[in-house]
Amino acid sequence: MEIKTNLKEIGIIAQNKQEENDGFSLFLKQQSHTNIDSLVFRLNEEITPQIDCTQCGNCCKTLMIQVDPIELKHLSAALQISERQFEDAYIEKGCSGKMLINTIPCHFLSENKCSVYEHRFSSCREFPALHLPQITSRLFTIFMHYDRCPIIFNVIEALKQELSFTMNER
């Protein structure tokens, strides 16, 4: 399978495959979650090294990034500013009290690289989260990012091939 990384091309393919992906999502929900996890983990390990995230950076350019209080404390210390200064400069609090980075793209994205990589937030460390279990319970989120992340796109397309999925299987 040819690895695709061009976001414009991925976006066009994603639009054309919306119905197929809806069917695939339903198909996956009917499968053994341990089997799907195992397949996705293997495909993720094969595909991720073939994609240079610093050539893309789309997650940092388009996602809202949640920050927890401990991460705020660690990063403000690393930046040698007070927690209050960090909050004032970089954080927006939602009505539920959750903290989010206050800009999209992220303040810390510089030339498609994270300028605070060693101190990046857990949500950044986990994305695209294809290494985490219970994939079939997170399909909405995964498919929401299908056109945003070349890793997700390529893993899903490889998974379709691996499972010999066709629209007739819905």
Protein backbone atom coordinates (compact mmCIF):
# COMPACT_ATOMS: atom_id res chain seq x y z
CA MET A 1 0.00 0.00 0.00
CA GLU A 2 1.26 3.43 -0.95
CA ILE A 3 1.50 5.76 2.05
CA LYS A 4 -0.34 9.03 1.45
CA THR A 5 0.76 12.20 3.24
CA ASN A 6 -0.57 15.03 1.07
CA LEU A 7 -3.39 16.57 3.14
CA LYS A 8 -5.22 17.94 0.10
CA GLU A 9 -5.27 14.50 -1.51
CA ILE A 10 -6.29 12.88 1.78
CA GLY A 11 -9.10 15.44 2.14
CA ILE A 12 -10.49 14.68 -1.31
CA ILE A 13 -10.30 10.93 -0.70
CA ALA A 14 -11.97 11.39 2.70
CA GLN A 15 -14.88 13.25 1.12
CA ASN A 16 -15.29 10.55 -1.50
CA LYS A 17 -15.11 7.78 1.10
CA GLN A 18 -17.53 9.23 3.67
CA GLU A 19 -20.21 6.60 3.04
CA GLU A 20 -17.62 3.82 2.92
CA ASN A 21 -16.11 5.01 6.20
CA ASP A 22 -19.52 5.14 7.85
CA GLY A 23 -20.06 1.54 6.79
CA PHE A 24 -16.57 0.54 7.91
CA SER A 25 -17.17 2.09 11.32
CA LEU A 26 -20.34 0.02 11.72
CA PHE A 27 -18.48 -3.06 10.51
CA LEU A 28 -15.67 -2.50 13.05
CA LYS A 29 -18.16 -2.17 15.92
CA GLN A 30 -19.36 -5.69 15.14
CA GLN A 31 -15.85 -7.17 15.35
CA SER A 32 -13.91 -8.45 18.33
CA HIS A 33 -12.37 -5.38 19.95
CA THR A 34 -9.26 -7.35 20.93
CA ASN A 35 -8.76 -8.47 17.32
CA ILE A 36 -9.22 -4.92 15.99
CA ASP A 37 -6.90 -3.52 18.67
CA SER A 38 -4.24 -6.07 17.73
CA LEU A 39 -4.51 -5.28 14.01
CA VAL A 40 -4.48 -1.51 14.54
CA PHE A 41 -1.52 -1.71 16.94
CA ARG A 42 0.48 -3.67 14.34
CA LEU A 43 -0.51 -1.40 11.44
CA ASN A 44 0.24 1.69 13.52
CA GLU A 45 3.72 0.35 14.32
CA GLU A 46 4.34 -0.35 10.62
CA ILE A 47 2.94 2.91 9.23
CA THR A 48 3.88 5.57 11.78
CA PRO A 49 7.66 5.35 11.14
CA GLN A 50 6.99 5.98 7.45
CA ILE A 51 5.36 9.35 8.15
CA ASP A 52 7.34 12.40 9.22
CA CYS A 53 4.96 14.36 11.44
CA THR A 54 7.19 17.42 11.18
CA GLN A 55 6.34 17.60 7.48
CA CYS A 56 2.68 17.94 8.45
CA GLY A 57 2.04 19.36 11.92
CA ASN A 58 -1.66 19.43 11.12
CA CYS A 59 -2.70 18.20 14.55
CA CYS A 60 -0.93 21.18 16.15
CA LYS A 61 -2.44 23.47 13.53
CA THR A 62 -6.04 22.34 13.89
CA LEU A 63 -6.81 20.73 17.26
CA MET A 64 -7.87 22.23 20.57
CA ILE A 65 -5.31 21.13 23.13
CA GLN A 66 -6.41 20.36 26.65
CA VAL A 67 -4.02 21.09 29.52
CA ASP A 68 -4.23 19.67 33.00
CA PRO A 69 -2.97 21.55 36.09
CA ILE A 70 0.15 19.39 36.49
CA GLU A 71 1.13 19.95 32.86
CA LEU A 72 0.61 23.68 33.29
CA LYS A 73 2.87 23.62 36.34
CA HIS A 74 5.62 21.62 34.58
CA LEU A 75 5.62 23.67 31.39
CA SER A 76 5.52 27.01 33.17
CA ALA A 77 8.54 25.89 35.22
CA ALA A 78 10.33 24.76 32.06
CA LEU A 79 9.61 28.14 30.46
CA GLN A 80 10.72 29.86 33.67
CA ILE A 81 7.52 31.83 34.10
CA SER A 82 4.92 31.72 36.84
CA GLU A 83 1.84 29.54 36.48
CA ARG A 84 -0.22 32.73 36.45
CA GLN A 85 1.86 34.19 33.61
CA PHE A 86 1.48 30.93 31.69
CA GLU A 87 -2.29 30.94 32.21
CA ASP A 88 -2.61 34.57 31.15
CA ALA A 89 -0.55 34.05 28.01
CA TYR A 90 -1.61 30.58 26.84
CA ILE A 91 -4.75 29.27 28.56
CA GLU A 92 -8.47 29.67 28.13
CA LYS A 93 -10.81 28.12 30.67
CA GLY A 94 -14.09 26.63 29.57
CA CYS A 95 -17.25 26.94 31.64
CA SER A 96 -16.56 23.45 33.02
CA GLY A 97 -13.17 24.66 34.26
CA LYS A 98 -11.19 22.68 31.70
CA MET A 99 -8.09 24.44 30.46
CA LEU A 100 -7.32 24.71 26.76
CA ILE A 101 -4.51 26.30 24.79
CA ASN A 102 -6.06 29.60 23.72
CA THR A 103 -5.05 29.58 20.06
CA ILE A 104 -5.23 27.32 17.06
CA PRO A 105 -2.61 26.66 15.85
CA CYS A 106 -0.84 25.95 19.11
CA HIS A 107 1.48 28.66 20.43
CA PHE A 108 4.28 26.13 20.71
CA LEU A 109 4.29 25.04 17.06
CA SER A 110 7.35 26.39 15.28
CA GLU A 111 8.26 25.26 11.74
CA ASN A 112 5.96 22.21 12.15
CA LYS A 113 7.79 21.17 15.32
CA CYS A 114 6.80 21.42 18.94
CA SER A 115 9.04 23.95 20.63
CA VAL A 116 8.26 22.37 24.03
CA TYR A 117 8.36 18.75 22.82
CA GLU A 118 9.95 17.32 25.97
CA HIS A 119 7.20 18.98 28.03
CA ARG A 120 4.29 18.56 25.58
CA PHE A 121 0.82 17.88 26.91
CA SER A 122 -0.53 14.35 27.35
CA SER A 123 -3.16 14.91 24.65
CA CYS A 124 -0.31 15.75 22.26
CA ARG A 125 1.73 12.73 23.36
CA GLU A 126 -1.23 10.41 22.81
CA PHE A 127 -2.38 11.70 19.42
CA PRO A 128 -3.39 9.97 17.18
CA ALA A 129 -4.07 7.43 19.95
CA LEU A 130 -3.88 4.36 17.73
CA HIS A 131 -1.65 2.71 20.33
CA LEU A 132 -4.38 2.83 22.98
CA PRO A 133 -6.82 -0.04 23.56
CA GLN A 134 -10.55 -0.07 22.88
CA ILE A 135 -10.28 1.36 19.39
CA THR A 136 -13.80 0.26 18.51
CA SER A 137 -15.15 2.42 21.34
CA ARG A 138 -13.34 5.49 19.93
CA LEU A 139 -14.29 5.22 16.27
CA PHE A 140 -16.16 8.53 16.18
CA THR A 141 -13.00 10.40 17.22
CA ILE A 142 -10.73 8.35 14.98
CA PHE A 143 -12.88 8.99 11.91
CA MET A 144 -13.25 12.65 12.89
CA HIS A 145 -9.47 12.90 12.40
CA TYR A 146 -9.27 10.62 9.34
CA ASP A 147 -8.80 13.58 6.98
CA ARG A 148 -6.61 15.50 9.43
CA CYS A 149 -3.89 12.98 10.21
CA PRO A 150 -1.96 10.96 7.61
CA ILE A 151 -1.24 8.29 10.21
CA ILE A 152 -4.92 7.72 10.94
CA PHE A 153 -5.79 7.86 7.25
CA ASN A 154 -3.18 5.28 6.27
CA VAL A 155 -3.86 2.95 9.20
CA ILE A 156 -7.60 2.95 8.46
CA GLU A 157 -7.02 2.31 4.76
CA ALA A 158 -4.60 -0.53 5.58
CA LEU A 159 -7.10 -1.94 8.07
CA LYS A 160 -9.77 -2.02 5.35
CA GLN A 161 -7.38 -4.02 3.17
CA GLU A 162 -6.34 -6.29 6.03
CA LEU A 163 -9.98 -7.11 6.78
CA SER A 164 -10.92 -7.30 3.08
CA PHE A 165 -13.67 -4.79 3.77
CA THR A 166 -16.06 -3.89 0.99
CA MET A 167 -19.22 -1.84 1.13
CA ASN A 168 -21.21 -5.06 0.60
CA GLU A 169 -20.27 -6.16 4.12
CA ARG A 170 -22.43 -3.55 5.81
